[in-house]
Amino acid sequence: MHVNGDPVIIDFSIQEEKEYSFYVGPALFNLHFKKNRRQFSYELIQDENTPTQLNLARKQSEKQDVLYMCVGAGVVLGGILIVLLL
């Protein structure tokens, strides 16, 4: 397998299902080779669960987004309540 033109994985002896993990920049990817009868298929998935720096930063950003949405919803609902009471 090549990433940006450079070989990352060379394994010519795959007989059963295998999984490889590697980084592309700050992102961790998992490459799964799956056996389907006599052929193999593969699946490349970005790992968003392992606590890498990128994933931790993403989770922190998501928490801040939720907080901002809750505050925004509170302001809107408070404004509506004030208008209804006047």
PDB file of N, CA and C in Angstrom:
ATOM      1  N   MET A   1       0.839  -1.168   0.000  1.00  0.00           N
ATOM      2  CA  MET A   1       0.000   0.000   0.000  1.00  0.00           C
ATOM      3  C   MET A   1       0.885   1.231   0.000  1.00  0.00           C
ATOM      4  N   HIS A   2       0.449   2.273  -0.696  1.00  0.00           N
ATOM      5  CA  HIS A   2       1.211   3.512  -0.789  1.00  0.00           C
ATOM      6  C   HIS A   2       0.413   4.670  -0.197  1.00  0.00           C
ATOM      7  N   VAL A   3       1.092   5.570   0.473  1.00  0.00           N
ATOM      8  CA  VAL A   3       0.507   6.812   0.963  1.00  0.00           C
ATOM      9  C   VAL A   3       1.396   7.937   0.469  1.00  0.00           C
ATOM     10  N   ASN A   4       0.800   8.868  -0.277  1.00  0.00           N
ATOM     11  CA  ASN A   4       1.555   9.974  -0.876  1.00  0.00           C
ATOM     12  C   ASN A   4       2.731   9.468  -1.717  1.00  0.00           C
ATOM     13  N   GLY A   5       2.540   8.354  -2.386  1.00  0.00           N
ATOM     14  CA  GLY A   5       3.567   7.819  -3.272  1.00  0.00           C
ATOM     15  C   GLY A   5       4.648   7.017  -2.578  1.00  0.00           C
ATOM     16  N   ASP A   6       4.619   6.927  -1.241  1.00  0.00           N
ATOM     17  CA  ASP A   6       5.627   6.168  -0.499  1.00  0.00           C
ATOM     18  C   ASP A   6       5.031   4.854  -0.001  1.00  0.00           C
ATOM     19  N   PRO A   7       5.796   3.760  -0.092  1.00  0.00           N
ATOM     20  CA  PRO A   7       5.269   2.493   0.422  1.00  0.00           C
ATOM     21  C   PRO A   7       5.143   2.524   1.935  1.00  0.00           C
ATOM     22  N   VAL A   8       3.986   2.091   2.425  1.00  0.00           N
ATOM     23  CA  VAL A   8       3.726   2.053   3.863  1.00  0.00           C
ATOM     24  C   VAL A   8       3.674   0.605   4.340  1.00  0.00           C
ATOM     25  N   ILE A   9       2.978  -0.239   3.588  1.00  0.00           N
ATOM     26  CA  ILE A   9       2.809  -1.641   3.964  1.00  0.00           C
ATOM     27  C   ILE A   9       3.116  -2.508   2.757  1.00  0.00           C
ATOM     28  N   ILE A  10       3.999  -3.467   2.960  1.00  0.00           N
ATOM     29  CA  ILE A  10       4.257  -4.469   1.925  1.00  0.00           C
ATOM     30  C   ILE A  10       4.146  -5.828   2.607  1.00  0.00           C
ATOM     31  N   ASP A  11       3.109  -6.572   2.275  1.00  0.00           N
ATOM     32  CA  ASP A  11       2.899  -7.893   2.866  1.00  0.00           C
ATOM     33  C   ASP A  11       2.269  -8.757   1.787  1.00  0.00           C
ATOM     34  N   PHE A  12       3.066  -9.608   1.187  1.00  0.00           N
ATOM     35  CA  PHE A  12       2.589 -10.445   0.093  1.00  0.00           C
ATOM     36  C   PHE A  12       2.078 -11.807   0.568  1.00  0.00           C
ATOM     37  N   SER A  13       2.110 -12.038   1.869  1.00  0.00           N
ATOM     38  CA  SER A  13       1.756 -13.368   2.371  1.00  0.00           C
ATOM     39  C   SER A  13       0.438 -13.376   3.143  1.00  0.00           C
ATOM     40  N   ILE A  14      -0.488 -12.484   2.805  1.00  0.00           N
ATOM     41  CA  ILE A  14      -1.756 -12.448   3.512  1.00  0.00           C
ATOM     42  C   ILE A  14      -2.596 -13.655   3.097  1.00  0.00           C
ATOM     43  N   GLN A  15      -2.889 -14.502   4.064  1.00  0.00           N
ATOM     44  CA  GLN A  15      -3.726 -15.679   3.820  1.00  0.00           C
ATOM     45  C   GLN A  15      -5.044 -15.592   4.577  1.00  0.00           C
ATOM     46  N   GLU A  16      -5.060 -14.827   5.652  1.00  0.00           N
ATOM     47  CA  GLU A  16      -6.254 -14.666   6.475  1.00  0.00           C
ATOM     48  C   GLU A  16      -6.524 -13.174   6.649  1.00  0.00           C
ATOM     49  N   GLU A  17      -7.620 -12.845   7.324  1.00  0.00           N
ATOM     50  CA  GLU A  17      -7.954 -11.457   7.558  1.00  0.00           C
ATOM     51  C   GLU A  17      -6.884 -10.797   8.428  1.00  0.00           C
ATOM     52  N   LYS A  18      -6.573  -9.544   8.109  1.00  0.00           N
ATOM     53  CA  LYS A  18      -5.560  -8.796   8.854  1.00  0.00           C
ATOM     54  C   LYS A  18      -5.996  -7.359   9.009  1.00  0.00           C
ATOM     55  N   GLU A  19      -5.403  -6.700   9.997  1.00  0.00           N
ATOM     56  CA  GLU A  19      -5.664  -5.288  10.218  1.00  0.00           C
ATOM     57  C   GLU A  19      -4.335  -4.577  10.471  1.00  0.00           C
ATOM     58  N   TYR A  20      -4.172  -3.435   9.828  1.00  0.00           N
ATOM     59  CA  TYR A  20      -2.977  -2.609  10.004  1.00  0.00           C
ATOM     60  C   TYR A  20      -3.420  -1.222  10.450  1.00  0.00           C
ATOM     61  N   SER A  21      -2.632  -0.604  11.309  1.00  0.00           N
ATOM     62  CA  SER A  21      -2.888   0.767  11.736  1.00  0.00           C
ATOM     63  C   SER A  21      -1.686   1.617  11.373  1.00  0.00           C
ATOM     64  N   PHE A  22      -1.950   2.835  10.890  1.00  0.00           N
ATOM     65  CA  PHE A  22      -0.863   3.743  10.532  1.00  0.00           C
ATOM     66  C   PHE A  22      -1.395   5.170  10.526  1.00  0.00           C
ATOM     67  N   TYR A  23      -0.470   6.101  10.630  1.00  0.00           N
ATOM     68  CA  TYR A  23      -0.809   7.520  10.632  1.00  0.00           C
ATOM     69  C   TYR A  23      -0.634   8.107   9.241  1.00  0.00           C
ATOM     70  N   VAL A  24      -1.558   8.997   8.882  1.00  0.00           N
ATOM     71  CA  VAL A  24      -1.414   9.855   7.713  1.00  0.00           C
ATOM     72  C   VAL A  24      -1.524  11.260   8.286  1.00  0.00           C
ATOM     73  N   GLY A  25      -0.394  11.914   8.436  1.00  0.00           N
ATOM     74  CA  GLY A  25      -0.368  13.187   9.156  1.00  0.00           C
ATOM     75  C   GLY A  25      -0.735  12.916  10.603  1.00  0.00           C
ATOM     76  N   PRO A  26      -1.624  13.711  11.188  1.00  0.00           N
ATOM     77  CA  PRO A  26      -2.003  13.483  12.580  1.00  0.00           C
ATOM     78  C   PRO A  26      -3.132  12.466  12.748  1.00  0.00           C
ATOM     79  N   ALA A  27      -3.706  11.982  11.652  1.00  0.00           N
ATOM     80  CA  ALA A  27      -4.861  11.083  11.715  1.00  0.00           C
ATOM     81  C   ALA A  27      -4.423   9.621  11.695  1.00  0.00           C
ATOM     82  N   LEU A  28      -5.023   8.829  12.585  1.00  0.00           N
ATOM     83  CA  LEU A  28      -4.760   7.395  12.659  1.00  0.00           C
ATOM     84  C   LEU A  28      -5.799   6.668  11.806  1.00  0.00           C
ATOM     85  N   PHE A  29      -5.324   5.774  10.938  1.00  0.00           N
ATOM     86  CA  PHE A  29      -6.204   4.997  10.067  1.00  0.00           C
ATOM     87  C   PHE A  29      -6.025   3.515  10.346  1.00  0.00           C
ATOM     88  N   ASN A  30      -7.100   2.757  10.125  1.00  0.00           N
ATOM     89  CA  ASN A  30      -7.073   1.299  10.221  1.00  0.00           C
ATOM     90  C   ASN A  30      -7.417   0.737   8.853  1.00  0.00           C
ATOM     91  N   LEU A  31      -6.561  -0.152   8.382  1.00  0.00           N
ATOM     92  CA  LEU A  31      -6.770  -0.822   7.102  1.00  0.00           C
ATOM     93  C   LEU A  31      -7.116  -2.273   7.398  1.00  0.00           C
ATOM     94  N   HIS A  32      -8.320  -2.680   7.006  1.00  0.00           N
ATOM     95  CA  HIS A  32      -8.800  -4.041   7.248  1.00  0.00           C
ATOM     96  C   HIS A  32      -8.812  -4.800   5.936  1.00  0.00           C
ATOM     97  N   PHE A  33      -8.180  -5.966   5.924  1.00  0.00           N
ATOM     98  CA  PHE A  33      -8.280  -6.890   4.800  1.00  0.00           C
ATOM     99  C   PHE A  33      -9.240  -7.988   5.217  1.00  0.00           C
ATOM    100  N   LYS A  34     -10.311  -8.166   4.448  1.00  0.00           N
ATOM    101  CA  LYS A  34     -11.334  -9.151   4.773  1.00  0.00           C
ATOM    102  C   LYS A  34     -11.391 -10.206   3.688  1.00  0.00           C
ATOM    103  N   LYS A  35     -11.510 -11.442   4.117  1.00  0.00           N
ATOM    104  CA  LYS A  35     -11.565 -12.553   3.166  1.00  0.00           C
ATOM    105  C   LYS A  35     -13.019 -12.864   2.826  1.00  0.00           C
ATOM    106  N   ASN A  36     -13.326 -12.846   1.531  1.00  0.00           N
ATOM    107  CA  ASN A  36     -14.646 -13.186   1.025  1.00  0.00           C
ATOM    108  C   ASN A  36     -14.472 -14.374   0.080  1.00  0.00           C
ATOM    109  N   ARG A  37     -14.733 -15.558   0.586  1.00  0.00           N
ATOM    110  CA  ARG A  37     -14.509 -16.792  -0.156  1.00  0.00           C
ATOM    111  C   ARG A  37     -13.050 -16.887  -0.587  1.00  0.00           C
ATOM    112  N   ARG A  38     -12.759 -16.728  -1.878  1.00  0.00           N
ATOM    113  CA  ARG A  38     -11.381 -16.846  -2.354  1.00  0.00           C
ATOM    114  C   ARG A  38     -10.748 -15.494  -2.638  1.00  0.00           C
ATOM    115  N   GLN A  39     -11.475 -14.408  -2.422  1.00  0.00           N
ATOM    116  CA  GLN A  39     -10.947 -13.080  -2.691  1.00  0.00           C
ATOM    117  C   GLN A  39     -10.859 -12.273  -1.398  1.00  0.00           C
ATOM    118  N   PHE A  40     -10.086 -11.201  -1.474  1.00  0.00           N
ATOM    119  CA  PHE A  40      -9.972 -10.282  -0.347  1.00  0.00           C
ATOM    120  C   PHE A  40     -10.546  -8.930  -0.737  1.00  0.00           C
ATOM    121  N   SER A  41     -11.170  -8.292   0.230  1.00  0.00           N
ATOM    122  CA  SER A  41     -11.584  -6.907   0.059  1.00  0.00           C
ATOM    123  C   SER A  41     -10.901  -6.121   1.168  1.00  0.00           C
ATOM    124  N   TYR A  42     -10.887  -4.815   1.037  1.00  0.00           N
ATOM    125  CA  TYR A  42     -10.261  -4.013   2.075  1.00  0.00           C
ATOM    126  C   TYR A  42     -11.137  -2.825   2.420  1.00  0.00           C
ATOM    127  N   GLU A  43     -10.918  -2.320   3.616  1.00  0.00           N
ATOM    128  CA  GLU A  43     -11.669  -1.184   4.115  1.00  0.00           C
ATOM    129  C   GLU A  43     -10.701  -0.289   4.869  1.00  0.00           C
ATOM    130  N   LEU A  44     -10.695   0.981   4.531  1.00  0.00           N
ATOM    131  CA  LEU A  44      -9.825   1.960   5.173  1.00  0.00           C
ATOM    132  C   LEU A  44     -10.708   2.911   5.972  1.00  0.00           C
ATOM    133  N   ILE A  45     -10.498   2.934   7.294  1.00  0.00           N
ATOM    134  CA  ILE A  45     -11.346   3.726   8.182  1.00  0.00           C
ATOM    135  C   ILE A  45     -10.470   4.603   9.067  1.00  0.00           C
ATOM    136  N   GLN A  46     -10.866   5.870   9.206  1.00  0.00           N
ATOM    137  CA  GLN A  46     -10.157   6.755  10.128  1.00  0.00           C
ATOM    138  C   GLN A  46     -10.590   6.402  11.547  1.00  0.00           C
ATOM    139  N   ASP A  47      -9.618   6.155  12.410  1.00  0.00           N
ATOM    140  CA  ASP A  47      -9.872   5.775  13.801  1.00  0.00           C
ATOM    141  C   ASP A  47     -10.155   7.041  14.607  1.00  0.00           C
ATOM    142  N   GLU A  48     -11.397   7.192  15.052  1.00  0.00           N
ATOM    143  CA  GLU A  48     -11.777   8.360  15.832  1.00  0.00           C
ATOM    144  C   GLU A  48     -11.953   8.032  17.302  1.00  0.00           C
ATOM    145  N   ASN A  49     -11.634   6.797  17.719  1.00  0.00           N
ATOM    146  CA  ASN A  49     -11.825   6.384  19.107  1.00  0.00           C
ATOM    147  C   ASN A  49     -10.536   6.329  19.911  1.00  0.00           C
ATOM    148  N   THR A  50      -9.427   6.012  19.272  1.00  0.00           N
ATOM    149  CA  THR A  50      -8.150   5.940  19.971  1.00  0.00           C
ATOM    150  C   THR A  50      -7.760   7.343  20.427  1.00  0.00           C
ATOM    151  N   PRO A  51      -7.273   7.490  21.667  1.00  0.00           N
ATOM    152  CA  PRO A  51      -6.966   8.837  22.184  1.00  0.00           C
ATOM    153  C   PRO A  51      -5.683   9.438  21.600  1.00  0.00           C
ATOM    154  N   THR A  52      -5.714   9.793  20.323  1.00  0.00           N
ATOM    155  CA  THR A  52      -4.598  10.502  19.694  1.00  0.00           C
ATOM    156  C   THR A  52      -4.783  11.995  19.945  1.00  0.00           C
ATOM    157  N   GLN A  53      -3.770  12.787  19.674  1.00  0.00           N
ATOM    158  CA  GLN A  53      -3.896  14.237  19.872  1.00  0.00           C
ATOM    159  C   GLN A  53      -5.037  14.805  19.041  1.00  0.00           C
ATOM    160  N   LEU A  54      -5.162  14.364  17.798  1.00  0.00           N
ATOM    161  CA  LEU A  54      -6.225  14.856  16.921  1.00  0.00           C
ATOM    162  C   LEU A  54      -7.599  14.490  17.466  1.00  0.00           C
ATOM    163  N   ASN A  55      -7.778  13.249  17.911  1.00  0.00           N
ATOM    164  CA  ASN A  55      -9.071  12.816  18.424  1.00  0.00           C
ATOM    165  C   ASN A  55      -9.431  13.527  19.721  1.00  0.00           C
ATOM    166  N   LEU A  56      -8.447  13.744  20.603  1.00  0.00           N
ATOM    167  CA  LEU A  56      -8.706  14.465  21.845  1.00  0.00           C
ATOM    168  C   LEU A  56      -9.109  15.909  21.557  1.00  0.00           C
ATOM    169  N   ALA A  57      -8.440  16.551  20.601  1.00  0.00           N
ATOM    170  CA  ALA A  57      -8.784  17.921  20.224  1.00  0.00           C
ATOM    171  C   ALA A  57     -10.178  17.964  19.611  1.00  0.00           C
ATOM    172  N   ARG A  58     -10.516  16.965  18.804  1.00  0.00           N
ATOM    173  CA  ARG A  58     -11.840  16.904  18.181  1.00  0.00           C
ATOM    174  C   ARG A  58     -12.926  16.775  19.244  1.00  0.00           C
ATOM    175  N   LYS A  59     -12.708  15.903  20.237  1.00  0.00           N
ATOM    176  CA  LYS A  59     -13.698  15.705  21.291  1.00  0.00           C
ATOM    177  C   LYS A  59     -13.865  16.974  22.131  1.00  0.00           C
ATOM    178  N   GLN A  60     -12.767  17.669  22.414  1.00  0.00           N
ATOM    179  CA  GLN A  60     -12.835  18.916  23.163  1.00  0.00           C
ATOM    180  C   GLN A  60     -13.631  19.957  22.384  1.00  0.00           C
ATOM    181  N   SER A  61     -13.399  20.034  21.093  1.00  0.00           N
ATOM    182  CA  SER A  61     -14.121  20.974  20.240  1.00  0.00           C
ATOM    183  C   SER A  61     -15.613  20.637  20.201  1.00  0.00           C
ATOM    184  N   GLU A  62     -15.936  19.345  20.141  1.00  0.00           N
ATOM    185  CA  GLU A  62     -17.333  18.934  20.131  1.00  0.00           C
ATOM    186  C   GLU A  62     -18.021  19.307  21.439  1.00  0.00           C
ATOM    187  N   LYS A  63     -17.320  19.165  22.567  1.00  0.00           N
ATOM    188  CA  LYS A  63     -17.885  19.553  23.864  1.00  0.00           C
ATOM    189  C   LYS A  63     -18.162  21.048  23.903  1.00  0.00           C
ATOM    190  N   GLN A  64     -17.236  21.850  23.380  1.00  0.00           N
ATOM    191  CA  GLN A  64     -17.439  23.295  23.339  1.00  0.00           C
ATOM    192  C   GLN A  64     -18.623  23.642  22.437  1.00  0.00           C
ATOM    193  N   ASP A  65     -18.752  22.957  21.310  1.00  0.00           N
ATOM    194  CA  ASP A  65     -19.876  23.207  20.405  1.00  0.00           C
ATOM    195  C   ASP A  65     -21.206  22.935  21.100  1.00  0.00           C
ATOM    196  N   VAL A  66     -21.281  21.843  21.850  1.00  0.00           N
ATOM    197  CA  VAL A  66     -22.515  21.509  22.570  1.00  0.00           C
ATOM    198  C   VAL A  66     -22.818  22.578  23.612  1.00  0.00           C
ATOM    199  N   LEU A  67     -21.792  23.032  24.328  1.00  0.00           N
ATOM    200  CA  LEU A  67     -21.977  24.075  25.326  1.00  0.00           C
ATOM    201  C   LEU A  67     -22.506  25.353  24.687  1.00  0.00           C
ATOM    202  N   TYR A  68     -21.909  25.765  23.571  1.00  0.00           N
ATOM    203  CA  TYR A  68     -22.352  26.978  22.873  1.00  0.00           C
ATOM    204  C   TYR A  68     -23.780  26.840  22.365  1.00  0.00           C
ATOM    205  N   MET A  69     -24.153  25.654  21.877  1.00  0.00           N
ATOM    206  CA  MET A  69     -25.528  25.447  21.411  1.00  0.00           C
ATOM    207  C   MET A  69     -26.520  25.533  22.565  1.00  0.00           C
ATOM    208  N   CYS A  70     -26.146  24.990  23.725  1.00  0.00           N
ATOM    209  CA  CYS A  70     -27.027  25.056  24.891  1.00  0.00           C
ATOM    210  C   CYS A  70     -27.192  26.495  25.364  1.00  0.00           C
ATOM    211  N   VAL A  71     -26.103  27.232  25.411  1.00  0.00           N
ATOM    212  CA  VAL A  71     -26.177  28.640  25.808  1.00  0.00           C
ATOM    213  C   VAL A  71     -27.022  29.417  24.809  1.00  0.00           C
ATOM    214  N   GLY A  72     -26.823  29.201  23.525  1.00  0.00           N
ATOM    215  CA  GLY A  72     -27.611  29.879  22.496  1.00  0.00           C
ATOM    216  C   GLY A  72     -29.089  29.557  22.609  1.00  0.00           C
ATOM    217  N   ALA A  73     -29.410  28.291  22.830  1.00  0.00           N
ATOM    218  CA  ALA A  73     -30.806  27.887  22.979  1.00  0.00           C
ATOM    219  C   ALA A  73     -31.411  28.533  24.223  1.00  0.00           C
ATOM    220  N   GLY A  74     -30.643  28.630  25.303  1.00  0.00           N
ATOM    221  CA  GLY A  74     -31.116  29.280  26.528  1.00  0.00           C
ATOM    222  C   GLY A  74     -31.400  30.756  26.304  1.00  0.00           C
ATOM    223  N   VAL A  75     -30.534  31.425  25.562  1.00  0.00           N
ATOM    224  CA  VAL A  75     -30.734  32.848  25.271  1.00  0.00           C
ATOM    225  C   VAL A  75     -31.995  33.036  24.430  1.00  0.00           C
ATOM    226  N   VAL A  76     -32.175  32.215  23.416  1.00  0.00           N
ATOM    227  CA  VAL A  76     -33.355  32.321  22.554  1.00  0.00           C
ATOM    228  C   VAL A  76     -34.624  32.045  23.356  1.00  0.00           C
ATOM    229  N   LEU A  77     -34.616  30.968  24.134  1.00  0.00           N
ATOM    230  CA  LEU A  77     -35.805  30.641  24.933  1.00  0.00           C
ATOM    231  C   LEU A  77     -36.080  31.711  25.981  1.00  0.00           C
ATOM    232  N   GLY A  78     -35.031  32.248  26.581  1.00  0.00           N
ATOM    233  CA  GLY A  78     -35.202  33.341  27.548  1.00  0.00           C
ATOM    234  C   GLY A  78     -35.796  34.566  26.890  1.00  0.00           C
ATOM    235  N   GLY A  79     -35.329  34.890  25.694  1.00  0.00           N
ATOM    236  CA  GLY A  79     -35.878  36.029  24.952  1.00  0.00           C
ATOM    237  C   GLY A  79     -37.340  35.833  24.627  1.00  0.00           C
ATOM    238  N   ILE A  80     -37.700  34.633  24.200  1.00  0.00           N
ATOM    239  CA  ILE A  80     -39.100  34.337  23.889  1.00  0.00           C
ATOM    240  C   ILE A  80     -39.950  34.444  25.142  1.00  0.00           C
ATOM    241  N   LEU A  81     -39.452  33.942  26.249  1.00  0.00           N
ATOM    242  CA  LEU A  81     -40.189  33.998  27.504  1.00  0.00           C
ATOM    243  C   LEU A  81     -40.409  35.441  27.948  1.00  0.00           C
ATOM    244  N   ILE A  82     -39.395  36.278  27.819  1.00  0.00           N
ATOM    245  CA  ILE A  82     -39.519  37.696  28.189  1.00  0.00           C
ATOM    246  C   ILE A  82     -40.568  38.377  27.308  1.00  0.00           C
ATOM    247  N   VAL A  83     -40.544  38.111  25.997  1.00  0.00           N
ATOM    248  CA  VAL A  83     -41.513  38.718  25.074  1.00  0.00           C
ATOM    249  C   VAL A  83     -42.921  38.258  25.433  1.00  0.00           C
ATOM    250  N   LEU A  84     -43.104  36.995  25.775  1.00  0.00           N
ATOM    251  CA  LEU A  84     -44.424  36.482  26.112  1.00  0.00           C
ATOM    252  C   LEU A  84     -44.947  37.057  27.422  1.00  0.00           C
ATOM    253  N   LEU A  85     -44.063  37.331  28.358  1.00  0.00           N
ATOM    254  CA  LEU A  85     -44.489  37.872  29.646  1.00  0.00           C
ATOM    255  C   LEU A  85     -44.767  39.372  29.609  1.00  0.00           C
ATOM    256  N   LEU A  86     -44.256  40.078  28.603  1.00  0.00           N
ATOM    257  CA  LEU A  86     -44.507  41.519  28.510  1.00  0.00           C
ATOM    258  C   LEU A  86     -45.781  41.777  27.835  1.00  0.00           C
TER     259      LEU A  86
END
